[in-house]
């Protein structure tokens, strides 16, 4: 006699299938949201890092250009006297340097200044044997540090050998460059960091034009 055993077939009901699909969809949605959040944070952090690297590179270039400041002289067409090109104020600086970002031959004229509410601008033109002032006026400056204001101070040595910082330096009158330049790039946004440069001017005196020590003492 053959005995047949019937096995009970176990499966998923329609409600269970729908519930499983709903949970899977919910988990995938949460995972996708997390991926988008991580990707957004990564992109924002990458942008901040890129901007920080750009700022650091620009600061390095300016620091090198100030170290390479050169007492470039030219003939004043009105007085026929020799003058040295370097104009420094508390928020403006123009000078001639042996350093060029493009590594081009010859001297380069640099100009840095702030515009309220915009930032710090940079201008560069070649320095020939004349006064580069007109070329600077005709050139188109670039916004180097948006939302930063620049402040300058200039180091000189008094007759008693004391070193003092001043907020102005006019080489056409003093016939020499300062001993050092201190530049502070102050952010308008509190979340940004203060950028600073203290650059010693290695070649601050012209070989043949003697500086006016009396003018330096009266600064």
C-alpha atoms as a PDB file:
ATOM      1  CA  UNK A   1       0.000   0.000   0.000  1.00  0.00           C
ATOM      2  CA  UNK A   2       1.556   3.392  -1.091  1.00  0.00           C
ATOM      3  CA  UNK A   3       1.247   6.267   1.280  1.00  0.00           C
ATOM      4  CA  UNK A   4       1.337   9.731  -0.293  1.00  0.00           C
ATOM      5  CA  UNK A   5       2.413  12.611   1.955  1.00  0.00           C
ATOM      6  CA  UNK A   6       1.116  15.999   0.992  1.00  0.00           C
ATOM      7  CA  UNK A   7       3.469  18.898   1.712  1.00  0.00           C
ATOM      8  CA  UNK A   8       2.161  22.318   2.451  1.00  0.00           C
ATOM      9  CA  UNK A   9       3.377  24.918  -0.078  1.00  0.00           C
ATOM     10  CA  UNK A  10       4.605  28.038   1.700  1.00  0.00           C
ATOM     11  CA  UNK A  11       4.850  31.389  -0.194  1.00  0.00           C
ATOM     12  CA  UNK A  12       4.532  35.159   0.152  1.00  0.00           C
ATOM     13  CA  UNK A  13       1.211  36.806   0.162  1.00  0.00           C
ATOM     14  CA  UNK A  14       0.549  39.862  -1.974  1.00  0.00           C
ATOM     15  CA  UNK A  15       0.596  42.115   1.094  1.00  0.00           C
ATOM     16  CA  UNK A  16       4.020  40.824   2.111  1.00  0.00           C
ATOM     17  CA  UNK A  17       5.420  41.433  -1.377  1.00  0.00           C
ATOM     18  CA  UNK A  18       4.062  44.985  -1.433  1.00  0.00           C
ATOM     19  CA  UNK A  19       5.464  45.645   2.055  1.00  0.00           C
ATOM     20  CA  UNK A  20       8.909  44.321   1.055  1.00  0.00           C
ATOM     21  CA  UNK A  21       8.967  46.487  -2.056  1.00  0.00           C
ATOM     22  CA  UNK A  22       7.954  49.530  -0.032  1.00  0.00           C
ATOM     23  CA  UNK A  23      10.746  48.982   2.481  1.00  0.00           C
ATOM     24  CA  UNK A  24      13.287  48.474  -0.311  1.00  0.00           C
ATOM     25  CA  UNK A  25      12.180  51.688  -1.992  1.00  0.00           C
ATOM     26  CA  UNK A  26      12.439  53.573   1.303  1.00  0.00           C
ATOM     27  CA  UNK A  27      15.977  52.277   1.967  1.00  0.00           C
ATOM     28  CA  UNK A  28      17.096  53.158  -1.567  1.00  0.00           C
ATOM     29  CA  UNK A  29      15.649  56.641  -1.141  1.00  0.00           C
ATOM     30  CA  UNK A  30      17.477  57.168   2.121  1.00  0.00           C
ATOM     31  CA  UNK A  31      20.698  55.868   0.577  1.00  0.00           C
ATOM     32  CA  UNK A  32      20.350  58.165  -2.429  1.00  0.00           C
ATOM     33  CA  UNK A  33      19.715  61.161  -0.173  1.00  0.00           C
ATOM     34  CA  UNK A  34      22.822  60.328   1.830  1.00  0.00           C
ATOM     35  CA  UNK A  35      24.902  60.004  -1.327  1.00  0.00           C
ATOM     36  CA  UNK A  36      23.686  63.385  -2.596  1.00  0.00           C
ATOM     37  CA  UNK A  37      24.451  65.035   0.767  1.00  0.00           C
ATOM     38  CA  UNK A  38      27.970  63.562   0.837  1.00  0.00           C
ATOM     39  CA  UNK A  39      28.548  64.573  -2.790  1.00  0.00           C
ATOM     40  CA  UNK A  40      27.348  68.114  -2.079  1.00  0.00           C
ATOM     41  CA  UNK A  41      29.618  68.421   0.949  1.00  0.00           C
ATOM     42  CA  UNK A  42      32.527  67.091  -1.107  1.00  0.00           C
ATOM     43  CA  UNK A  43      31.925  69.620  -3.870  1.00  0.00           C
ATOM     44  CA  UNK A  44      31.700  72.481  -1.377  1.00  0.00           C
ATOM     45  CA  UNK A  45      34.851  71.356   0.404  1.00  0.00           C
ATOM     46  CA  UNK A  46      36.629  70.969  -2.932  1.00  0.00           C
ATOM     47  CA  UNK A  47      35.644  74.515  -3.919  1.00  0.00           C
ATOM     48  CA  UNK A  48      36.931  75.860  -0.605  1.00  0.00           C
ATOM     49  CA  UNK A  49      40.173  73.901  -1.000  1.00  0.00           C
ATOM     50  CA  UNK A  50      40.646  75.151  -4.563  1.00  0.00           C
ATOM     51  CA  UNK A  51      40.062  78.750  -3.445  1.00  0.00           C
ATOM     52  CA  UNK A  52      42.512  78.305  -0.554  1.00  0.00           C
ATOM     53  CA  UNK A  53      45.159  76.958  -2.922  1.00  0.00           C
ATOM     54  CA  UNK A  54      44.582  79.850  -5.329  1.00  0.00           C
ATOM     55  CA  UNK A  55      44.897  82.367  -2.478  1.00  0.00           C
ATOM     56  CA  UNK A  56      48.067  80.700  -1.189  1.00  0.00           C
ATOM     57  CA  UNK A  57      49.617  80.744  -4.670  1.00  0.00           C
ATOM     58  CA  UNK A  58      48.726  84.413  -5.162  1.00  0.00           C
ATOM     59  CA  UNK A  59      50.196  85.321  -1.756  1.00  0.00           C
ATOM     60  CA  UNK A  60      53.378  83.429  -2.634  1.00  0.00           C
ATOM     61  CA  UNK A  61      53.715  85.280  -5.952  1.00  0.00           C
ATOM     62  CA  UNK A  62      53.217  88.686  -4.290  1.00  0.00           C
ATOM     63  CA  UNK A  63      55.693  87.788  -1.557  1.00  0.00           C
ATOM     64  CA  UNK A  64      58.313  86.843  -4.157  1.00  0.00           C
ATOM     65  CA  UNK A  65      57.593  90.012  -6.139  1.00  0.00           C
ATOM     66  CA  UNK A  66      58.094  92.188  -3.041  1.00  0.00           C
ATOM     67  CA  UNK A  67      61.324  90.394  -2.165  1.00  0.00           C
ATOM     68  CA  UNK A  68      62.430  91.135  -5.720  1.00  0.00           C
ATOM     69  CA  UNK A  69      61.500  94.839  -5.577  1.00  0.00           C
ATOM     70  CA  UNK A  70      63.955  96.813  -7.648  1.00  0.00           C
ATOM     71  CA  UNK A  71      64.850 100.555  -7.476  1.00  0.00           C
ATOM     72  CA  UNK A  72      63.887 101.133 -11.102  1.00  0.00           C
ATOM     73  CA  UNK A  73      64.875 104.623 -12.219  1.00  0.00           C
ATOM     74  CA  UNK A  74      63.624 106.793 -15.067  1.00  0.00           C
ATOM     75  CA  UNK A  75      64.152 110.330 -16.337  1.00  0.00           C
ATOM     76  CA  UNK A  76      61.562 112.926 -15.421  1.00  0.00           C
ATOM     77  CA  UNK A  77      60.817 114.645 -18.737  1.00  0.00           C
ATOM     78  CA  UNK A  78      59.987 117.944 -17.039  1.00  0.00           C
ATOM     79  CA  UNK A  79      62.965 118.252 -14.704  1.00  0.00           C
ATOM     80  CA  UNK A  80      65.337 115.899 -16.576  1.00  0.00           C
ATOM     81  CA  UNK A  81      66.267 114.410 -13.197  1.00  0.00           C
ATOM     82  CA  UNK A  82      66.493 110.718 -12.373  1.00  0.00           C
ATOM     83  CA  UNK A  83      63.705 109.347 -10.195  1.00  0.00           C
ATOM     84  CA  UNK A  84      62.954 105.980  -8.592  1.00  0.00           C
ATOM     85  CA  UNK A  85      59.600 104.267  -9.154  1.00  0.00           C
ATOM     86  CA  UNK A  86      57.845 103.129  -5.977  1.00  0.00           C
ATOM     87  CA  UNK A  87      54.616 104.553  -4.585  1.00  0.00           C
ATOM     88  CA  UNK A  88      53.262 103.208  -1.322  1.00  0.00           C
ATOM     89  CA  UNK A  89      50.172 104.275   0.592  1.00  0.00           C
ATOM     90  CA  UNK A  90      48.126 102.585   3.293  1.00  0.00           C
ATOM     91  CA  UNK A  91      45.817 100.952   0.706  1.00  0.00           C
ATOM     92  CA  UNK A  92      47.846 101.238  -2.511  1.00  0.00           C
ATOM     93  CA  UNK A  93      51.244 100.037  -3.722  1.00  0.00           C
ATOM     94  CA  UNK A  94      53.011 100.127  -7.073  1.00  0.00           C
ATOM     95  CA  UNK A  95      56.572  98.899  -7.562  1.00  0.00           C
ATOM     96  CA  UNK A  96      58.954  97.360 -10.064  1.00  0.00           C
ATOM     97  CA  UNK A  97      60.150  93.819  -9.457  1.00  0.00           C
ATOM     98  CA  UNK A  98      62.597  91.373 -10.976  1.00  0.00           C
ATOM     99  CA  UNK A  99      59.912  88.696 -10.521  1.00  0.00           C
ATOM    100  CA  UNK A 100      57.266  87.954 -13.137  1.00  0.00           C
ATOM    101  CA  UNK A 101      54.563  85.233 -12.787  1.00  0.00           C
ATOM    102  CA  UNK A 102      54.994  84.435 -16.490  1.00  0.00           C
ATOM    103  CA  UNK A 103      58.782  84.243 -15.999  1.00  0.00           C
ATOM    104  CA  UNK A 104      59.180  86.754 -18.790  1.00  0.00           C
ATOM    105  CA  UNK A 105      62.502  88.480 -19.270  1.00  0.00           C
ATOM    106  CA  UNK A 106      63.033  91.970 -17.920  1.00  0.00           C
ATOM    107  CA  UNK A 107      61.410  93.877 -15.080  1.00  0.00           C
ATOM    108  CA  UNK A 108      57.697  93.854 -14.253  1.00  0.00           C
ATOM    109  CA  UNK A 109      55.633  96.651 -12.739  1.00  0.00           C
ATOM    110  CA  UNK A 110      53.154  95.511 -10.095  1.00  0.00           C
ATOM    111  CA  UNK A 111      50.182  97.425  -8.702  1.00  0.00           C
ATOM    112  CA  UNK A 112      47.946  96.419  -5.779  1.00  0.00           C
ATOM    113  CA  UNK A 113      45.010  98.399  -4.439  1.00  0.00           C
ATOM    114  CA  UNK A 114      41.607  97.984  -2.794  1.00  0.00           C
ATOM    115  CA  UNK A 115      38.173  99.013  -4.010  1.00  0.00           C
ATOM    116  CA  UNK A 116      35.591  99.343  -1.244  1.00  0.00           C
ATOM    117  CA  UNK A 117      32.952  96.615  -1.368  1.00  0.00           C
ATOM    118  CA  UNK A 118      34.707  94.697  -4.166  1.00  0.00           C
ATOM    119  CA  UNK A 119      38.143  93.494  -3.103  1.00  0.00           C
ATOM    120  CA  UNK A 120      41.824  93.822  -3.944  1.00  0.00           C
ATOM    121  CA  UNK A 121      42.913  94.326  -7.550  1.00  0.00           C
ATOM    122  CA  UNK A 122      46.205  93.413  -9.193  1.00  0.00           C
ATOM    123  CA  UNK A 123      47.708  95.078 -12.250  1.00  0.00           C
ATOM    124  CA  UNK A 124      50.951  94.151 -14.032  1.00  0.00           C
ATOM    125  CA  UNK A 125      52.756  95.677 -17.018  1.00  0.00           C
ATOM    126  CA  UNK A 126      56.332  95.498 -18.357  1.00  0.00           C
ATOM    127  CA  UNK A 127      58.841  97.962 -16.950  1.00  0.00           C
ATOM    128  CA  UNK A 128      61.070  99.541 -19.558  1.00  0.00           C
ATOM    129  CA  UNK A 129      63.498 102.445 -19.170  1.00  0.00           C
ATOM    130  CA  UNK A 130      60.682 104.994 -18.804  1.00  0.00           C
ATOM    131  CA  UNK A 131      58.004 105.725 -16.211  1.00  0.00           C
ATOM    132  CA  UNK A 132      55.529 102.785 -16.312  1.00  0.00           C
ATOM    133  CA  UNK A 133      52.704 104.898 -14.870  1.00  0.00           C
ATOM    134  CA  UNK A 134      50.937 105.393 -18.206  1.00  0.00           C
ATOM    135  CA  UNK A 135      51.011 101.675 -19.027  1.00  0.00           C
ATOM    136  CA  UNK A 136      49.463 100.900 -15.641  1.00  0.00           C
ATOM    137  CA  UNK A 137      46.679 103.398 -16.284  1.00  0.00           C
ATOM    138  CA  UNK A 138      45.934 101.841 -19.677  1.00  0.00           C
ATOM    139  CA  UNK A 139      46.024  98.199 -18.493  1.00  0.00           C
ATOM    140  CA  UNK A 140      43.006  96.247 -17.274  1.00  0.00           C
ATOM    141  CA  UNK A 141      43.424  95.151 -13.626  1.00  0.00           C
ATOM    142  CA  UNK A 142      42.226  91.772 -12.337  1.00  0.00           C
ATOM    143  CA  UNK A 143      40.229  91.176  -9.155  1.00  0.00           C
ATOM    144  CA  UNK A 144      42.766  89.096  -7.243  1.00  0.00           C
ATOM    145  CA  UNK A 145      41.122  88.770  -3.810  1.00  0.00           C
ATOM    146  CA  UNK A 146      37.343  89.306  -3.836  1.00  0.00           C
ATOM    147  CA  UNK A 147      35.973  90.655  -0.553  1.00  0.00           C
ATOM    148  CA  UNK A 148      39.455  91.447   0.791  1.00  0.00           C
ATOM    149  CA  UNK A 149      40.872  94.883   1.602  1.00  0.00           C
ATOM    150  CA  UNK A 150      44.633  95.368   1.598  1.00  0.00           C
ATOM    151  CA  UNK A 151      46.621  97.447   4.091  1.00  0.00           C
ATOM    152  CA  UNK A 152      50.308  98.331   3.688  1.00  0.00           C
ATOM    153  CA  UNK A 153      53.096  99.474   6.006  1.00  0.00           C
ATOM    154  CA  UNK A 154      56.698 100.322   5.086  1.00  0.00           C
ATOM    155  CA  UNK A 155      59.833  99.873   7.165  1.00  0.00           C
ATOM    156  CA  UNK A 156      62.618 102.455   7.260  1.00  0.00           C
ATOM    157  CA  UNK A 157      65.631 103.111   9.444  1.00  0.00           C
ATOM    158  CA  UNK A 158      66.066 106.395  11.276  1.00  0.00           C
ATOM    159  CA  UNK A 159      69.425 108.122  11.715  1.00  0.00           C
ATOM    160  CA  UNK A 160      69.762 106.561  15.175  1.00  0.00           C
ATOM    161  CA  UNK A 161      69.326 103.132  13.515  1.00  0.00           C
ATOM    162  CA  UNK A 162      65.883 102.590  15.004  1.00  0.00           C
ATOM    163  CA  UNK A 163      63.533 100.863  12.566  1.00  0.00           C
ATOM    164  CA  UNK A 164      60.042 102.320  12.245  1.00  0.00           C
ATOM    165  CA  UNK A 165      56.946 101.403  10.213  1.00  0.00           C
ATOM    166  CA  UNK A 166      55.170 104.107   8.239  1.00  0.00           C
ATOM    167  CA  UNK A 167      51.983 104.117   6.140  1.00  0.00           C
ATOM    168  CA  UNK A 168      53.418 106.005   3.143  1.00  0.00           C
ATOM    169  CA  UNK A 169      56.479 105.779   0.929  1.00  0.00           C
ATOM    170  CA  UNK A 170      57.173 107.878  -2.146  1.00  0.00           C
ATOM    171  CA  UNK A 171      60.411 106.875  -3.856  1.00  0.00           C
ATOM    172  CA  UNK A 172      60.320 109.845  -6.230  1.00  0.00           C
ATOM    173  CA  UNK A 173      61.015 112.007  -3.177  1.00  0.00           C
ATOM    174  CA  UNK A 174      63.055 109.621  -1.049  1.00  0.00           C
ATOM    175  CA  UNK A 175      65.060 108.140  -3.966  1.00  0.00           C
ATOM    176  CA  UNK A 176      65.108 104.713  -2.316  1.00  0.00           C
ATOM    177  CA  UNK A 177      62.836 101.825  -1.397  1.00  0.00           C
ATOM    178  CA  UNK A 178      61.766 100.814   2.122  1.00  0.00           C
ATOM    179  CA  UNK A 179      63.648  98.096   3.947  1.00  0.00           C
ATOM    180  CA  UNK A 180      60.532  95.909   4.058  1.00  0.00           C
ATOM    181  CA  UNK A 181      56.840  95.875   3.183  1.00  0.00           C
ATOM    182  CA  UNK A 182      54.068  94.548   5.411  1.00  0.00           C
ATOM    183  CA  UNK A 183      50.827  93.688   3.591  1.00  0.00           C
ATOM    184  CA  UNK A 184      47.630  92.618   5.330  1.00  0.00           C
ATOM    185  CA  UNK A 185      44.700  91.291   3.293  1.00  0.00           C
ATOM    186  CA  UNK A 186      41.723  91.759   5.605  1.00  0.00           C
ATOM    187  CA  UNK A 187      38.579  89.746   4.733  1.00  0.00           C
ATOM    188  CA  UNK A 188      35.197  91.440   4.735  1.00  0.00           C
ATOM    189  CA  UNK A 189      33.694  88.046   5.626  1.00  0.00           C
ATOM    190  CA  UNK A 190      34.472  86.862   9.157  1.00  0.00           C
ATOM    191  CA  UNK A 191      34.579  83.238   7.963  1.00  0.00           C
ATOM    192  CA  UNK A 192      37.647  83.915   5.798  1.00  0.00           C
ATOM    193  CA  UNK A 193      41.184  84.020   7.148  1.00  0.00           C
ATOM    194  CA  UNK A 194      43.468  87.030   7.352  1.00  0.00           C
ATOM    195  CA  UNK A 195      46.297  86.888   4.796  1.00  0.00           C
ATOM    196  CA  UNK A 196      49.641  88.504   5.644  1.00  0.00           C
ATOM    197  CA  UNK A 197      52.995  89.153   3.984  1.00  0.00           C
ATOM    198  CA  UNK A 198      56.167  90.544   5.537  1.00  0.00           C
ATOM    199  CA  UNK A 199      58.699  90.907   2.733  1.00  0.00           C
ATOM    200  CA  UNK A 200      62.208  92.225   3.114  1.00  0.00           C
ATOM    201  CA  UNK A 201      63.307  94.370   0.174  1.00  0.00           C
ATOM    202  CA  UNK A 202      66.719  93.037  -0.780  1.00  0.00           C
ATOM    203  CA  UNK A 203      67.725  95.836  -3.144  1.00  0.00           C
ATOM    204  CA  UNK A 204      66.319  99.046  -1.728  1.00  0.00           C
ATOM    205  CA  UNK A 205      68.882 101.584  -3.006  1.00  0.00           C
ATOM    206  CA  UNK A 206      69.845 102.625  -6.483  1.00  0.00           C
ATOM    207  CA  UNK A 207      73.502 102.183  -7.345  1.00  0.00           C
ATOM    208  CA  UNK A 208      74.047 105.779  -8.426  1.00  0.00           C
ATOM    209  CA  UNK A 209      71.095 107.754  -6.980  1.00  0.00           C
ATOM    210  CA  UNK A 210      71.649 108.446  -3.292  1.00  0.00           C
ATOM    211  CA  UNK A 211      68.569 108.418  -1.027  1.00  0.00           C
ATOM    212  CA  UNK A 212      67.460 111.554   0.724  1.00  0.00           C
ATOM    213  CA  UNK A 213      68.128 110.724   4.386  1.00  0.00           C
ATOM    214  CA  UNK A 214      66.497 113.953   5.601  1.00  0.00           C
ATOM    215  CA  UNK A 215      63.198 113.063   3.932  1.00  0.00           C
ATOM    216  CA  UNK A 216      63.316 109.554   5.429  1.00  0.00           C
ATOM    217  CA  UNK A 217      63.903 110.967   8.896  1.00  0.00           C
ATOM    218  CA  UNK A 218      60.891 113.285   8.540  1.00  0.00           C
ATOM    219  CA  UNK A 219      58.461 110.484   7.630  1.00  0.00           C
END
